Amino acid sequence: MMKVKNDEEKFILVLSEPWTPLYDKDDDNKDDDNNNKDNDNKDDDNKDDDNKDDDKSRFTTEQQKKVDEIVKTEKAKVKRNMEKQISQLEEFKKTANLTKKENEDLSLKIENMRKDFMTKEELAKVESEKSRKATNKQVSDLEKDRDTWKNRYTNSTIERALIDAAHETKAYNPEQILAILKPNTQLVEAMDDDGKATGNYEPKIDYTTTDKDGKSVKLTLTPLEAAKKMMEEERFANLFVSSTKGGLGSFTTKKPGDKGKDGFIKDTGDYIKDRRKTKLKK
């Protein structure tokens, strides 16, 4: 080994040896690395602690089973109490003299109480049933309105046609013609010459009469045709003003209540009415 004589030679010797530069930043990085390693170790320790805590907070299978049973029992108990209250409210709604608004509010409260203990499937079923009932009611109301207006139109059309026919045939009392013919009158769709429906409706009467051989026949007539047919029959002759003169083998029409040449009333109904009037005068 070479012997160093003085400081100068010692310095030259140090410079002649291989060396690498060192900086303060490198030392800082080393410190940071060491700190990060320490932090990582602490995080790992914390995770281990958290896992230990989680393990402590978890129930065993047997414990979880018991907890579920307790919750189920409590829910059933609360549900029974709620059902009892609902039953009492339903009974109160039947017996109490509530206004319409009070009745609706109480019904809504009962419905909400029931919903509190329903599953999603049960709620969906209830809503579906509610929607179905609302739709059915709407359809029913529309059908009632339709039938109401249909009946009004049918009645007014038939009555107008019969009254017009009675006036045209000079009936003494159009109401009598209406009473006789209306029960057998229907509103039917009119047909054209080719037998196709026109879309228009007109009254038609099922009129029973006798043919020339005295046999009973049923005809389908318009109101005017039926009124004219009545004029031709002796049984209805007294309901119309006659434009013909009496003669052998013929019959004359008289206004109800008219008396014959002998001073007696021929019609039984008119006779009874006349007798009642006579008694009242006395």
Protein backbone atom coordinates (compact mmCIF):
# COMPACT_ATOMS: atom_id res chain seq x y z
CA MET A 1 0.00 0.00 0.00
CA MET A 2 1.26 3.40 -1.00
CA LYS A 3 2.23 5.65 1.87
CA VAL A 4 0.76 9.18 1.78
CA LYS A 5 3.40 11.77 2.60
CA ASN A 6 1.27 14.88 2.99
CA ASP A 7 -2.20 16.31 2.48
CA GLU A 8 -1.59 17.27 -1.08
CA GLU A 9 -0.71 13.76 -2.05
CA LYS A 10 -3.73 12.51 -0.11
CA PHE A 11 -6.05 14.80 -2.07
CA ILE A 12 -4.52 13.68 -5.37
CA LEU A 13 -5.04 10.10 -4.34
CA VAL A 14 -8.74 10.67 -3.62
CA LEU A 15 -9.26 12.33 -6.97
CA SER A 16 -7.54 9.50 -8.77
CA GLU A 17 -10.10 6.96 -7.43
CA PRO A 18 -13.44 6.31 -9.24
CA TRP A 19 -16.43 8.19 -7.68
CA THR A 20 -20.12 8.99 -8.31
CA PRO A 21 -21.79 12.31 -7.53
CA LEU A 22 -24.43 12.46 -4.77
CA TYR A 23 -27.19 15.11 -4.56
CA ASP A 24 -29.51 16.21 -1.77
CA LYS A 25 -32.59 15.31 -3.93
CA ASP A 26 -31.51 11.70 -4.05
CA ASP A 27 -31.50 11.64 -0.30
CA ASP A 28 -35.02 13.17 -0.24
CA ASN A 29 -36.31 10.50 -2.65
CA LYS A 30 -34.91 7.83 -0.44
CA ASP A 31 -36.68 9.40 2.50
CA ASP A 32 -39.98 9.57 0.55
CA ASP A 33 -39.68 5.95 -0.46
CA ASN A 34 -39.15 5.00 3.11
CA ASN A 35 -42.16 7.08 4.19
CA ASN A 36 -44.40 5.51 1.51
CA LYS A 37 -43.34 2.08 2.62
CA ASP A 38 -44.25 2.99 6.18
CA ASN A 39 -47.65 4.34 5.08
CA ASP A 40 -48.35 1.23 3.03
CA ASN A 41 -47.57 -0.87 6.02
CA LYS A 42 -49.93 1.24 8.14
CA ASP A 43 -52.71 0.90 5.53
CA ASP A 44 -52.27 -2.83 5.51
CA ASP A 45 -52.48 -2.82 9.27
CA ASN A 46 -55.70 -0.75 9.11
CA LYS A 47 -57.24 -3.13 6.56
CA ASP A 48 -56.44 -6.01 8.79
CA ASP A 49 -58.10 -4.18 11.68
CA ASP A 50 -61.19 -3.42 9.53
CA ASN A 51 -61.47 -7.03 8.46
CA LYS A 52 -61.25 -8.07 12.07
CA ASP A 53 -64.04 -5.59 12.94
CA ASP A 54 -66.21 -6.87 10.04
CA ASP A 55 -65.75 -10.39 11.21
CA LYS A 56 -66.87 -9.36 14.65
CA SER A 57 -70.01 -7.52 13.36
CA ARG A 58 -71.25 -10.39 11.16
CA PHE A 59 -73.88 -12.84 12.48
CA THR A 60 -73.41 -16.50 12.28
CA THR A 61 -75.94 -18.45 10.20
CA GLU A 62 -77.79 -19.50 13.33
CA GLN A 63 -77.84 -15.95 14.71
CA GLN A 64 -79.11 -14.52 11.41
CA LYS A 65 -81.87 -17.10 11.35
CA LYS A 66 -83.04 -16.04 14.81
CA VAL A 67 -82.96 -12.36 13.84
CA ASP A 68 -85.07 -13.05 10.75
CA GLU A 69 -87.62 -14.93 12.85
CA ILE A 70 -87.87 -12.05 15.32
CA VAL A 71 -88.39 -9.51 12.51
CA LYS A 72 -91.00 -11.74 10.87
CA THR A 73 -92.89 -12.16 14.13
CA GLU A 74 -92.91 -8.43 14.80
CA LYS A 75 -94.13 -7.65 11.30
CA ALA A 76 -96.95 -10.16 11.65
CA LYS A 77 -97.93 -8.64 14.99
CA VAL A 78 -98.04 -5.11 13.57
CA LYS A 79 -100.01 -6.33 10.55
CA ARG A 80 -102.63 -8.00 12.78
CA ASN A 81 -103.04 -4.80 14.76
CA MET A 82 -103.39 -2.80 11.55
CA GLU A 83 -105.99 -5.22 10.18
CA LYS A 84 -107.95 -4.87 13.41
CA GLN A 85 -107.93 -1.07 13.05
CA ILE A 86 -109.01 -1.34 9.41
CA SER A 87 -111.89 -3.60 10.39
CA GLN A 88 -113.01 -1.11 13.03
CA LEU A 89 -112.84 1.76 10.53
CA GLU A 90 -114.85 -0.25 7.98
CA GLU A 91 -117.54 -0.89 10.57
CA PHE A 92 -117.54 2.77 11.56
CA LYS A 93 -117.95 3.80 7.92
CA LYS A 94 -121.06 1.59 7.62
CA THR A 95 -122.76 2.78 10.79
CA ALA A 96 -121.72 6.43 11.01
CA ASN A 97 -123.71 9.11 9.24
CA LEU A 98 -120.86 10.52 7.15
CA THR A 99 -120.97 13.10 4.41
CA LYS A 100 -119.82 12.13 0.93
CA LYS A 101 -116.49 13.93 1.44
CA GLU A 102 -115.91 12.27 4.85
CA ASN A 103 -116.74 8.87 3.40
CA GLU A 104 -114.26 9.35 0.53
CA ASP A 105 -111.50 10.53 2.90
CA LEU A 106 -112.02 7.56 5.22
CA SER A 107 -111.99 5.11 2.29
CA LEU A 108 -108.70 6.61 1.08
CA LYS A 109 -107.18 6.29 4.55
CA ILE A 110 -108.20 2.62 4.78
CA GLU A 111 -106.77 1.95 1.33
CA ASN A 112 -103.42 3.53 2.25
CA MET A 113 -103.27 1.51 5.48
CA ARG A 114 -103.71 -1.69 3.50
CA LYS A 115 -101.01 -0.70 1.02
CA ASP A 116 -98.44 -0.25 3.81
CA PHE A 117 -98.28 -4.02 4.31
CA MET A 118 -98.54 -5.16 0.72
CA THR A 119 -95.73 -6.62 -1.36
CA LYS A 120 -94.91 -5.19 -4.77
CA GLU A 121 -96.86 -8.00 -6.41
CA GLU A 122 -99.91 -7.38 -4.24
CA LEU A 123 -99.77 -3.62 -4.91
CA ALA A 124 -99.56 -4.26 -8.65
CA LYS A 125 -102.56 -6.59 -8.43
CA VAL A 126 -104.59 -4.02 -6.48
CA GLU A 127 -103.77 -1.26 -8.97
CA SER A 128 -104.66 -3.54 -11.87
CA GLU A 129 -108.01 -4.40 -10.30
CA LYS A 130 -108.68 -0.74 -9.57
CA SER A 131 -107.93 0.19 -13.16
CA ARG A 132 -110.16 -2.63 -14.45
CA LYS A 133 -113.10 -1.49 -12.30
CA ALA A 134 -112.67 2.11 -13.41
CA THR A 135 -112.64 1.05 -17.06
CA ASN A 136 -115.73 -1.15 -16.60
CA LYS A 137 -117.58 1.69 -14.89
CA GLN A 138 -116.68 4.07 -17.69
CA VAL A 139 -117.93 1.59 -20.29
CA SER A 140 -121.12 0.97 -18.29
CA ASP A 141 -121.82 4.71 -17.99
CA LEU A 142 -121.30 5.18 -21.72
CA GLU A 143 -123.65 2.29 -22.50
CA LYS A 144 -126.32 3.75 -20.19
CA ASP A 145 -126.03 7.15 -21.87
CA ARG A 146 -126.21 5.51 -25.28
CA ASP A 147 -129.31 3.48 -24.36
CA THR A 148 -130.98 6.52 -22.78
CA TRP A 149 -130.58 8.66 -25.87
CA LYS A 150 -131.49 5.75 -28.14
CA ASN A 151 -134.76 5.18 -26.25
CA ARG A 152 -135.55 8.89 -26.26
CA TYR A 153 -134.98 9.11 -30.00
CA THR A 154 -136.98 5.94 -30.67
CA ASN A 155 -139.95 7.03 -28.56
CA SER A 156 -140.07 10.58 -29.91
CA THR A 157 -139.80 9.38 -33.54
CA ILE A 158 -142.55 6.76 -33.12
CA GLU A 159 -144.90 9.06 -31.21
CA ARG A 160 -144.45 11.90 -33.70
CA ALA A 161 -145.21 9.59 -36.65
CA LEU A 162 -148.33 8.11 -34.99
CA ILE A 163 -149.69 11.52 -33.94
CA ASP A 164 -149.14 12.85 -37.48
CA ALA A 165 -150.96 9.83 -38.93
CA ALA A 166 -153.85 10.34 -36.50
CA HIS A 167 -154.22 14.00 -37.51
CA GLU A 168 -154.05 13.14 -41.22
CA THR A 169 -156.83 10.53 -40.89
CA LYS A 170 -158.94 12.96 -38.80
CA ALA A 171 -159.00 10.96 -35.58
CA TYR A 172 -161.11 12.49 -32.86
CA ASN A 173 -158.41 11.89 -30.28
CA PRO A 174 -154.85 11.25 -31.58
CA GLU A 175 -153.85 9.96 -28.12
CA GLN A 176 -156.20 6.99 -28.62
CA ILE A 177 -154.51 6.06 -31.89
CA LEU A 178 -151.13 6.39 -30.17
CA ALA A 179 -152.21 4.11 -27.30
CA ILE A 180 -153.51 1.42 -29.68
CA LEU A 181 -150.66 1.34 -32.20
CA LYS A 182 -147.52 2.21 -30.20
CA PRO A 183 -147.14 -1.18 -28.36
CA ASN A 184 -146.80 -2.88 -31.77
CA THR A 185 -144.55 -0.24 -33.34
CA GLN A 186 -140.80 -0.57 -33.83
CA LEU A 187 -138.12 1.62 -35.36
CA VAL A 188 -136.50 -0.34 -38.18
CA GLU A 189 -133.93 0.46 -40.84
CA ALA A 190 -135.47 1.50 -44.14
CA MET A 191 -134.63 -0.39 -47.33
CA ASP A 192 -134.27 0.96 -50.86
CA ASP A 193 -135.88 -0.50 -53.97
CA ASP A 194 -133.07 -3.05 -54.26
CA GLY A 195 -133.58 -4.27 -50.69
CA LYS A 196 -130.40 -2.64 -49.37
CA ALA A 197 -130.22 -0.81 -46.05
CA THR A 198 -130.29 2.98 -46.41
CA GLY A 199 -129.05 3.86 -42.91
CA ASN A 200 -132.30 5.70 -42.15
CA TYR A 201 -134.82 4.45 -39.60
CA GLU A 202 -138.60 4.60 -39.76
CA PRO A 203 -141.52 3.31 -37.66
CA LYS A 204 -143.18 0.08 -38.71
CA ILE A 205 -146.30 -1.44 -37.14
CA ASP A 206 -147.23 -5.10 -36.79
CA TYR A 207 -150.93 -4.72 -37.52
CA THR A 208 -153.31 -7.67 -37.03
CA THR A 209 -156.52 -7.67 -39.05
CA THR A 210 -158.72 -10.07 -41.07
CA ASP A 211 -158.71 -10.76 -44.79
CA LYS A 212 -161.77 -11.00 -47.03
CA ASP A 213 -162.29 -14.60 -45.91
CA GLY A 214 -162.37 -13.56 -42.27
CA LYS A 215 -158.98 -15.12 -41.47
CA SER A 216 -156.55 -13.34 -39.15
CA VAL A 217 -153.49 -11.88 -40.88
CA LYS A 218 -150.57 -9.80 -39.67
CA LEU A 219 -149.36 -6.90 -41.80
CA THR A 220 -146.31 -4.66 -41.54
CA LEU A 221 -147.51 -1.10 -42.13
CA THR A 222 -146.35 2.48 -41.79
CA PRO A 223 -148.19 4.63 -39.20
CA LEU A 224 -150.31 6.28 -41.91
CA GLU A 225 -151.15 2.94 -43.53
CA ALA A 226 -152.15 1.51 -40.14
CA ALA A 227 -154.34 4.53 -39.31
CA LYS A 228 -156.12 4.24 -42.68
CA LYS A 229 -156.63 0.53 -42.10
CA MET A 230 -158.24 1.31 -38.74
CA MET A 231 -160.66 3.70 -40.49
CA GLU A 232 -161.82 0.84 -42.69
CA GLU A 233 -162.64 -1.42 -39.75
CA GLU A 234 -165.91 -1.14 -37.89
CA ARG A 235 -164.28 -1.80 -34.51
CA PHE A 236 -162.33 1.47 -34.81
CA ALA A 237 -164.87 3.46 -36.84
CA ASN A 238 -165.99 5.60 -33.93
CA LEU A 239 -162.43 6.93 -33.48
CA PHE A 240 -162.45 8.86 -36.78
CA VAL A 241 -164.51 11.58 -38.43
CA SER A 242 -166.41 9.90 -41.29
CA SER A 243 -166.64 11.50 -44.72
CA THR A 244 -169.10 8.89 -46.04
CA LYS A 245 -172.87 8.78 -45.84
CA GLY A 246 -174.61 5.89 -44.18
CA GLY A 247 -176.50 3.40 -46.32
CA LEU A 248 -177.66 -0.16 -46.53
CA GLY A 249 -174.91 -2.52 -45.44
CA SER A 250 -172.64 0.31 -44.50
CA PHE A 251 -171.59 1.74 -41.16
CA THR A 252 -171.29 5.34 -40.10
CA THR A 253 -168.69 6.68 -37.74
CA LYS A 254 -169.83 8.82 -34.83
CA LYS A 255 -167.87 10.87 -32.38
CA PRO A 256 -167.54 9.05 -29.05
CA GLY A 257 -170.55 9.99 -26.91
CA ASP A 258 -172.89 10.74 -29.81
CA LYS A 259 -176.43 9.35 -29.48
CA GLY A 260 -178.44 7.58 -32.11
CA LYS A 261 -181.80 8.69 -33.53
CA ASP A 262 -183.57 6.91 -30.68
CA GLY A 263 -181.59 8.98 -28.17
CA PHE A 264 -179.54 6.07 -26.85
CA ILE A 265 -175.76 5.76 -26.87
CA LYS A 266 -174.64 2.75 -28.89
CA ASP A 267 -171.05 2.42 -27.61
CA THR A 268 -170.79 0.63 -24.23
CA GLY A 269 -167.87 2.71 -23.00
CA ASP A 270 -169.60 5.93 -23.92
CA TYR A 271 -172.78 4.72 -22.28
CA ILE A 272 -170.93 4.18 -18.96
CA LYS A 273 -169.36 7.63 -19.15
CA ASP A 274 -172.74 9.22 -19.87
CA ARG A 275 -174.30 7.43 -16.89
CA ARG A 276 -171.57 8.75 -14.59
CA LYS A 277 -172.15 12.28 -15.83
CA THR A 278 -175.90 11.93 -15.29
CA LYS A 279 -175.39 10.76 -11.68
CA LEU A 280 -173.09 13.69 -10.98
CA LYS A 281 -175.70 16.17 -12.28
CA LYS A 282 -178.27 14.67 -9.96
